[in-house]
Amino acid sequence: MTLRAPHHQPAPASGRFTRRSVLTGAFALATAAALPVAAAGRAYSAAGPDIIACATWGARAASEPVVVLANRPERIIVHHTATANVTDYTKQRAFALARAIQTYHMDAQGWIDTGQHFTVSRGAFVMEGRHSSLAELRTGTRQVRAAHCVGQNTVSIGIENEGTYTSEAPPAAQYAALADLCAHICDQYGLAASEIYGHRDFNATSCPGDRLYALLPNLRRDVATILGTPLSDPEEDPVWDLVRHATERPAATVGEYLPAGLLP
């Protein structure tokens, strides 16, 4: 994930971008084999996954009121935290991660709260990020303004996945939790599974890492299977495609990381 300007600054106009990434050859086969099809044979619960609220993981209060927008999101954007691929899969580790991210976003970046809406730990714990994100997801009619992707903070839901997925795929349980969360978000907000993107689709960044980004076609298929809906093509906008290719996408200047000592 690449860090963005504070969410309260005016955001560039949003637009729909077309994915240009496909899985090919041996790499695609190896990647697909590395993770089970998360959706196959599983019943979908309309209640969605167990999402741990900010108060439960020990979040600080936001430094100013969180803005709730009247619109529904148009897409989901997947990130990775670019932190260590730890083998500590406990809830305690997940909570420590959530607190460290919030501390970094508020104290180092000057944001009012955690930047993303939700976080999925390597142990497959799903946590609320920015305050009020869970309450608005439950109603399915509004979204919280966030700070996870330049130009998309008022029209998308941002999901951070703990780990660095440049050359390593996420654990199977984490991937399954991500698929369940995406399915629930799509169900609540009336989104198609095809509207799941990576951070790099909108900003000049390596996020969510080559391996996780290459899994997004699988993720879309798995989410569609969970929901029992066909996988349609994403909406295309030729004008925005031309702008993106001409400008190499809006830049995000700083790589996501947590300073040494903030999180063991």
Protein backbone atom coordinates (compact mmCIF):
# COMPACT_ATOMS: atom_id res chain seq x y z
CA MET A 1 0.00 0.00 0.00
CA THR A 2 1.26 3.47 -0.78
CA LEU A 3 0.41 6.23 1.62
CA ARG A 4 -1.94 8.95 0.53
CA ALA A 5 -2.61 12.57 1.28
CA PRO A 6 -4.86 13.15 4.30
CA HIS A 7 -8.45 12.34 3.45
CA HIS A 8 -9.74 15.78 4.31
CA GLN A 9 -7.88 17.33 1.40
CA PRO A 10 -9.87 17.66 -1.82
CA ALA A 11 -9.67 14.41 -3.75
CA PRO A 12 -9.23 14.18 -7.53
CA ALA A 13 -12.33 13.25 -9.46
CA SER A 14 -12.90 9.51 -9.45
CA GLY A 15 -13.39 7.34 -12.49
CA ARG A 16 -13.62 3.72 -13.44
CA PHE A 17 -10.44 2.08 -14.60
CA THR A 18 -10.09 -1.07 -16.64
CA ARG A 19 -7.93 -3.90 -15.36
CA ARG A 20 -5.08 -4.89 -17.72
CA SER A 21 -3.71 -7.81 -15.71
CA VAL A 22 -4.27 -11.50 -16.53
CA LEU A 23 -2.80 -14.69 -15.15
CA THR A 24 -0.74 -16.51 -17.78
CA GLY A 25 1.56 -19.50 -18.13
CA ALA A 26 3.28 -21.44 -15.39
CA PHE A 27 3.15 -18.55 -12.91
CA ALA A 28 -0.62 -18.45 -13.14
CA LEU A 29 -0.90 -22.19 -12.62
CA ALA A 30 1.46 -22.12 -9.67
CA THR A 31 -0.34 -19.21 -8.07
CA ALA A 32 -3.76 -20.72 -8.56
CA ALA A 33 -2.57 -24.02 -7.10
CA ALA A 34 -1.16 -22.29 -4.04
CA LEU A 35 -4.58 -21.36 -2.69
CA PRO A 36 -7.84 -23.30 -2.55
CA VAL A 37 -10.92 -21.92 -4.22
CA ALA A 38 -12.26 -20.20 -1.13
CA ALA A 39 -15.87 -20.21 -2.25
CA ALA A 40 -16.33 -23.74 -3.50
CA GLY A 41 -18.97 -25.68 -1.63
CA ARG A 42 -19.39 -23.11 1.15
CA ALA A 43 -22.74 -21.69 2.09
CA TYR A 44 -22.84 -17.92 2.23
CA SER A 45 -24.23 -16.28 5.35
CA ALA A 46 -25.98 -12.97 4.81
CA ALA A 47 -24.70 -11.98 8.26
CA GLY A 48 -21.22 -11.89 6.79
CA PRO A 49 -17.93 -12.68 8.51
CA ASP A 50 -17.17 -11.85 12.11
CA ILE A 51 -15.74 -8.32 11.95
CA ILE A 52 -14.00 -7.08 15.08
CA ALA A 53 -15.01 -3.52 15.92
CA CYS A 54 -12.59 -0.70 16.70
CA ALA A 55 -13.54 -0.68 20.38
CA THR A 56 -12.68 -4.37 20.71
CA TRP A 57 -9.13 -4.12 19.33
CA GLY A 58 -8.43 -1.02 21.38
CA ALA A 59 -8.62 1.82 18.88
CA ARG A 60 -8.02 5.40 19.93
CA ALA A 61 -10.76 7.90 19.27
CA ALA A 62 -10.52 9.67 15.92
CA SER A 63 -8.93 13.11 16.23
CA GLU A 64 -11.95 14.72 14.57
CA PRO A 65 -15.39 13.48 13.53
CA VAL A 66 -15.35 10.78 10.88
CA VAL A 67 -17.26 11.85 7.76
CA VAL A 68 -20.09 9.58 6.66
CA LEU A 69 -21.01 10.07 3.02
CA ALA A 70 -24.51 9.70 1.63
CA ASN A 71 -23.35 7.56 -1.31
CA ARG A 72 -22.64 3.86 -1.54
CA PRO A 73 -19.17 2.76 -2.68
CA GLU A 74 -18.60 1.84 -6.31
CA ARG A 75 -15.78 -0.65 -5.81
CA ILE A 76 -13.46 -2.46 -3.40
CA ILE A 77 -9.71 -1.77 -3.38
CA VAL A 78 -7.32 -4.40 -2.03
CA HIS A 79 -4.03 -3.46 -0.32
CA HIS A 80 -1.22 -5.15 1.56
CA THR A 81 0.40 -3.63 4.64
CA ALA A 82 3.98 -4.30 3.41
CA THR A 83 4.83 -5.57 6.89
CA ALA A 84 6.56 -8.82 7.85
CA ASN A 85 4.98 -12.13 6.85
CA VAL A 86 4.82 -13.31 10.44
CA THR A 87 3.73 -16.76 11.58
CA ASP A 88 2.04 -15.35 14.67
CA TYR A 89 -1.58 -15.87 13.68
CA THR A 90 -3.10 -15.00 17.06
CA LYS A 91 -5.84 -12.50 17.79
CA GLN A 92 -3.41 -10.63 20.02
CA ARG A 93 -1.09 -10.10 17.06
CA ALA A 94 -4.00 -8.93 14.91
CA PHE A 95 -5.03 -6.38 17.53
CA ALA A 96 -1.44 -5.15 17.90
CA LEU A 97 -1.27 -4.71 14.11
CA ALA A 98 -4.49 -2.69 14.06
CA ARG A 99 -3.25 -0.41 16.84
CA ALA A 100 0.14 0.06 15.18
CA ILE A 101 -1.43 1.00 11.85
CA GLN A 102 -3.72 3.51 13.53
CA THR A 103 -0.80 5.03 15.47
CA TYR A 104 1.23 5.36 12.28
CA HIS A 105 -1.61 6.84 10.27
CA MET A 106 -2.58 9.34 12.95
CA ASP A 107 0.80 10.30 14.42
CA ALA A 108 3.09 10.04 11.39
CA GLN A 109 0.70 10.78 8.53
CA GLY A 110 -1.49 13.29 10.37
CA TRP A 111 -4.74 11.56 9.44
CA ILE A 112 -7.75 11.65 11.73
CA ASP A 113 -7.94 7.86 12.08
CA THR A 114 -6.89 4.61 10.41
CA GLY A 115 -6.86 5.12 6.64
CA GLN A 116 -8.59 1.95 5.45
CA HIS A 117 -12.06 0.64 6.24
CA PHE A 118 -11.08 -2.93 7.14
CA THR A 119 -7.98 -5.01 7.88
CA VAL A 120 -7.45 -8.77 7.46
CA SER A 121 -4.63 -10.25 9.54
CA ARG A 122 -2.44 -13.18 8.49
CA GLY A 123 -4.33 -15.18 11.09
CA ALA A 124 -7.60 -14.41 9.21
CA PHE A 125 -9.02 -12.01 11.78
CA VAL A 126 -11.12 -9.31 10.12
CA MET A 127 -11.08 -5.94 11.86
CA GLU A 128 -12.77 -2.61 11.39
CA GLY A 129 -10.25 0.08 10.45
CA ARG A 130 -11.70 3.57 10.36
CA HIS A 131 -14.42 4.18 12.95
CA SER A 132 -18.05 3.79 11.77
CA SER A 133 -17.04 1.62 8.78
CA LEU A 134 -18.68 -1.45 10.29
CA ALA A 135 -21.90 0.33 11.25
CA GLU A 136 -22.28 1.77 7.75
CA LEU A 137 -21.52 -1.59 6.14
CA ARG A 138 -24.32 -3.12 8.18
CA THR A 139 -26.82 -0.56 6.91
CA GLY A 140 -25.58 -0.87 3.32
CA THR A 141 -26.61 2.62 2.27
CA ARG A 142 -23.67 4.90 3.10
CA GLN A 143 -19.89 4.75 3.42
CA VAL A 144 -17.21 6.38 5.53
CA ARG A 145 -14.76 8.73 3.81
CA ALA A 146 -11.34 7.15 4.12
CA ALA A 147 -7.66 7.72 3.27
CA HIS A 148 -6.47 4.55 1.55
CA CYS A 149 -6.21 5.47 -2.16
CA VAL A 150 -5.80 8.88 -3.79
CA GLY A 151 -8.86 9.78 -5.85
CA GLN A 152 -10.91 6.86 -4.52
CA ASN A 153 -11.49 7.69 -0.88
CA THR A 154 -15.12 8.74 -1.36
CA VAL A 155 -16.18 5.97 -3.75
CA SER A 156 -14.46 2.77 -2.59
CA ILE A 157 -13.97 0.44 0.35
CA GLY A 158 -10.31 -0.13 1.24
CA ILE A 159 -9.13 -3.46 2.68
CA GLU A 160 -5.62 -3.89 4.09
CA ASN A 161 -4.15 -7.40 4.20
CA GLU A 162 -1.36 -7.98 6.68
CA GLY A 163 1.88 -8.98 4.99
CA THR A 164 4.09 -8.31 1.99
CA TYR A 165 2.87 -10.11 -1.11
CA THR A 166 5.46 -9.15 -3.69
CA SER A 167 6.87 -12.67 -4.04
CA GLU A 168 4.80 -14.66 -1.56
CA ALA A 169 1.09 -15.47 -1.60
CA PRO A 170 -1.08 -14.82 1.47
CA PRO A 171 -1.93 -17.74 3.76
CA ALA A 172 -4.96 -19.71 2.58
CA ALA A 173 -7.01 -18.76 5.65
CA GLN A 174 -6.28 -15.06 5.14
CA TYR A 175 -7.27 -15.29 1.48
CA ALA A 176 -10.52 -17.06 2.43
CA ALA A 177 -11.30 -14.37 5.00
CA LEU A 178 -10.65 -11.69 2.38
CA ALA A 179 -13.01 -13.46 -0.04
CA ASP A 180 -15.74 -13.67 2.60
CA LEU A 181 -15.32 -10.00 3.51
CA CYS A 182 -15.43 -8.93 -0.14
CA ALA A 183 -18.54 -11.04 -0.72
CA HIS A 184 -20.27 -9.44 2.26
CA ILE A 185 -19.34 -5.93 1.11
CA CYS A 186 -20.61 -6.70 -2.40
CA ASP A 187 -23.84 -8.13 -0.98
CA GLN A 188 -24.47 -5.21 1.35
CA TYR A 189 -23.72 -2.49 -1.19
CA GLY A 190 -25.00 -4.14 -4.35
CA LEU A 191 -21.57 -4.38 -5.97
CA ALA A 192 -20.58 -6.87 -8.64
CA ALA A 193 -17.64 -9.15 -7.85
CA SER A 194 -15.92 -7.68 -10.91
CA GLU A 195 -15.58 -4.38 -9.03
CA ILE A 196 -12.67 -5.64 -6.91
CA TYR A 197 -9.38 -3.92 -7.75
CA GLY A 198 -5.85 -3.55 -6.51
CA HIS A 199 -4.38 -0.29 -5.24
CA ARG A 200 -2.05 -0.17 -8.27
CA ASP A 201 -5.05 0.08 -10.59
CA PHE A 202 -5.50 3.67 -9.40
CA ASN A 203 -2.18 4.92 -8.00
CA ALA A 204 1.46 4.49 -9.02
CA THR A 205 2.36 1.86 -6.44
CA SER A 206 3.39 -1.78 -6.23
CA CYS A 207 0.57 -2.44 -3.74
CA PRO A 208 -0.91 -5.01 -3.14
CA GLY A 209 2.21 -6.86 -4.30
CA ASP A 210 2.66 -8.88 -7.48
CA ARG A 211 1.46 -12.16 -5.99
CA LEU A 212 -1.70 -10.82 -4.37
CA TYR A 213 -2.47 -8.66 -7.40
CA ALA A 214 -2.16 -11.74 -9.63
CA LEU A 215 -4.72 -13.47 -7.41
CA LEU A 216 -7.39 -10.81 -7.93
CA PRO A 217 -8.98 -12.61 -10.92
CA ASN A 218 -9.31 -15.69 -8.66
CA LEU A 219 -10.70 -13.51 -5.90
CA ARG A 220 -13.36 -12.05 -8.18
CA ARG A 221 -14.38 -15.54 -9.30
CA ASP A 222 -14.47 -16.82 -5.73
CA VAL A 223 -16.57 -13.89 -4.55
CA ALA A 224 -19.01 -14.41 -7.43
CA THR A 225 -19.24 -18.10 -6.49
CA ILE A 226 -19.87 -17.28 -2.82
CA LEU A 227 -22.68 -14.94 -3.85
CA GLY A 228 -24.03 -17.30 -6.50
CA THR A 229 -23.85 -14.61 -9.17
CA PRO A 230 -22.23 -14.55 -12.63
CA LEU A 231 -18.91 -12.76 -12.95
CA SER A 232 -19.47 -9.80 -15.25
CA ASP A 233 -16.83 -7.57 -16.80
CA PRO A 234 -16.05 -4.34 -14.95
CA GLU A 235 -17.39 -1.13 -16.38
CA GLU A 236 -14.95 0.54 -18.74
CA ASP A 237 -14.28 4.21 -19.22
CA PRO A 238 -12.11 4.85 -22.31
CA VAL A 239 -11.42 8.47 -21.34
CA TRP A 240 -10.08 7.51 -17.93
CA ASP A 241 -8.05 4.69 -19.51
CA LEU A 242 -6.34 7.24 -21.75
CA VAL A 243 -5.70 9.58 -18.82
CA ARG A 244 -4.24 6.79 -16.75
CA HIS A 245 -1.90 5.61 -19.48
CA ALA A 246 -0.80 9.18 -20.24
CA THR A 247 -0.09 10.08 -16.63
CA GLU A 248 0.99 6.67 -15.28
CA ARG A 249 -1.83 6.98 -12.74
CA PRO A 250 -2.00 9.46 -9.85
CA ALA A 251 1.19 9.16 -7.84
CA ALA A 252 1.28 8.13 -4.21
CA THR A 253 4.65 9.10 -2.85
CA VAL A 254 5.50 7.04 0.23
CA GLY A 255 5.61 3.26 0.59
CA GLU A 256 3.46 1.69 3.29
CA TYR A 257 5.49 0.47 6.23
CA LEU A 258 5.49 0.63 9.99
CA PRO A 259 8.57 2.20 11.61
CA ALA A 260 10.86 -0.07 13.59
CA GLY A 261 9.65 -0.57 17.14
CA LEU A 262 6.03 0.27 16.43
CA LEU A 263 5.15 -3.38 15.87
CA PRO A 264 7.40 -6.33 16.82
